[in-house]
Amino acid sequence: MSLRIKKDDRVLVLSGKDKGATGRVLYVIPSKGKAIVENVNFVIQHKPSKNPQKPGGRMQREAPIHLSKLMLICSKCNRPTRVGTKILPDGTKVRICKRCNAET
């Protein structure tokens, strides 16, 4: 599976409890096809206390979200777009915006 979304991309959430939210991709988990997006898909994690200096409690953190629920936001036109690939004359592959044909 080719990953069209990479680290530090701006993305839009298409479905789920955070539908319509935008954020920056913190990192991608290719083996699971998921990504961690900044300030999206928060879950509560219960941590036990290890010692008196490290109290336990309920911690909020971002959970992975499937890549099929994310859409890349083009850096040129600032709109959600589908992603295509283009091979340059020197043989390198680049991602392009399907709306404005700009390299992303």
Protein backbone atom coordinates (compact mmCIF):
# COMPACT_ATOMS: atom_id res chain seq x y z
CA MET A 1 0.00 0.00 0.00
CA SER A 2 1.47 3.34 -0.99
CA LEU A 3 1.11 6.01 1.64
CA ARG A 4 -0.16 9.30 0.32
CA ILE A 5 0.01 11.01 3.71
CA LYS A 6 3.35 11.71 5.35
CA LYS A 7 4.67 13.28 8.55
CA ASP A 8 4.05 17.05 8.95
CA ASP A 9 1.24 17.11 6.33
CA ARG A 10 -1.92 19.09 7.12
CA VAL A 11 -4.97 16.84 6.89
CA LEU A 12 -8.76 17.02 7.18
CA VAL A 13 -10.71 14.33 9.06
CA LEU A 14 -13.49 12.97 6.82
CA SER A 15 -15.50 10.86 9.27
CA GLY A 16 -15.84 9.91 12.91
CA LYS A 17 -16.29 11.94 16.07
CA ASP A 18 -13.79 14.59 14.89
CA LYS A 19 -15.28 15.02 11.40
CA GLY A 20 -14.24 18.35 9.86
CA ALA A 21 -11.24 18.87 12.15
CA THR A 22 -7.85 19.70 10.68
CA GLY A 23 -4.44 19.02 12.12
CA ARG A 24 -0.80 18.19 11.46
CA VAL A 25 0.32 14.57 11.15
CA LEU A 26 2.72 13.79 14.02
CA TYR A 27 3.71 10.38 12.69
CA VAL A 28 2.45 7.56 10.47
CA ILE A 29 2.23 3.85 11.32
CA PRO A 30 2.60 2.17 7.89
CA SER A 31 2.16 -1.40 9.12
CA LYS A 32 -1.32 -0.59 10.49
CA GLY A 33 -2.26 2.06 7.90
CA LYS A 34 -2.88 4.65 10.60
CA ALA A 35 -1.59 8.06 11.62
CA ILE A 36 -1.46 10.20 14.75
CA VAL A 37 -2.91 13.66 14.09
CA GLU A 38 -2.29 16.61 16.40
CA ASN A 39 -5.36 17.53 18.55
CA VAL A 40 -7.60 14.92 16.87
CA ASN A 41 -9.12 11.66 18.20
CA PHE A 42 -8.41 12.13 21.91
CA VAL A 43 -8.86 9.13 24.22
CA ILE A 44 -8.56 8.86 27.99
CA GLN A 45 -5.89 6.51 29.29
CA HIS A 46 -5.93 5.37 32.92
CA LYS A 47 -2.45 5.27 34.48
CA PRO A 48 -1.72 3.70 37.88
CA SER A 49 0.59 5.58 40.23
CA LYS A 50 4.14 4.20 40.26
CA ASN A 51 5.33 6.08 43.34
CA PRO A 52 4.40 9.24 45.28
CA GLN A 53 6.40 11.44 42.88
CA LYS A 54 4.54 10.07 39.82
CA PRO A 55 0.83 10.19 40.59
CA GLY A 56 -1.55 8.21 38.44
CA GLY A 57 -4.83 9.33 36.99
CA ARG A 58 -6.64 9.87 33.73
CA MET A 59 -4.39 11.12 30.92
CA GLN A 60 -5.62 12.42 27.57
CA ARG A 61 -3.68 11.48 24.46
CA GLU A 62 -4.15 11.25 20.71
CA ALA A 63 -5.07 7.82 19.34
CA PRO A 64 -4.27 6.56 15.83
CA ILE A 65 -6.80 7.27 13.08
CA HIS A 66 -7.06 5.28 9.84
CA LEU A 67 -5.52 6.85 6.73
CA SER A 68 -8.73 6.33 4.74
CA LYS A 69 -10.44 8.85 7.06
CA LEU A 70 -7.88 11.57 6.27
CA MET A 71 -7.59 13.86 3.28
CA LEU A 72 -4.54 15.95 2.49
CA ILE A 73 -4.88 19.76 2.48
CA CYS A 74 -2.93 21.30 -0.40
CA SER A 75 -0.28 23.80 0.67
CA LYS A 76 -0.91 26.00 -2.40
CA CYS A 77 -4.71 26.22 -2.63
CA ASN A 78 -5.46 25.44 1.08
CA ARG A 79 -8.29 23.07 0.16
CA PRO A 80 -8.73 19.35 0.81
CA THR A 81 -7.66 17.43 -2.25
CA ARG A 82 -6.96 14.01 -3.65
CA VAL A 83 -3.31 13.20 -4.20
CA GLY A 84 -1.67 12.01 -7.38
CA THR A 85 1.91 11.21 -8.31
CA LYS A 86 4.01 12.55 -11.10
CA ILE A 87 7.41 11.37 -12.33
CA LEU A 88 9.77 14.22 -13.13
CA PRO A 89 12.23 14.03 -16.06
CA ASP A 90 15.10 13.23 -13.66
CA GLY A 91 13.18 10.15 -12.43
CA THR A 92 12.02 11.37 -9.01
CA LYS A 93 8.41 10.90 -7.90
CA VAL A 94 6.49 13.85 -6.44
CA ARG A 95 2.97 14.16 -5.04
CA ILE A 96 0.65 16.55 -6.85
CA CYS A 97 -2.66 18.18 -5.95
CA LYS A 98 -5.50 16.94 -8.19
CA ARG A 99 -7.24 20.36 -7.94
CA CYS A 100 -4.45 22.79 -8.86
CA ASN A 101 -1.73 20.38 -10.12
CA ALA A 102 0.82 21.92 -7.75
CA GLU A 103 3.50 19.82 -6.05
CA THR A 104 2.70 19.19 -2.40
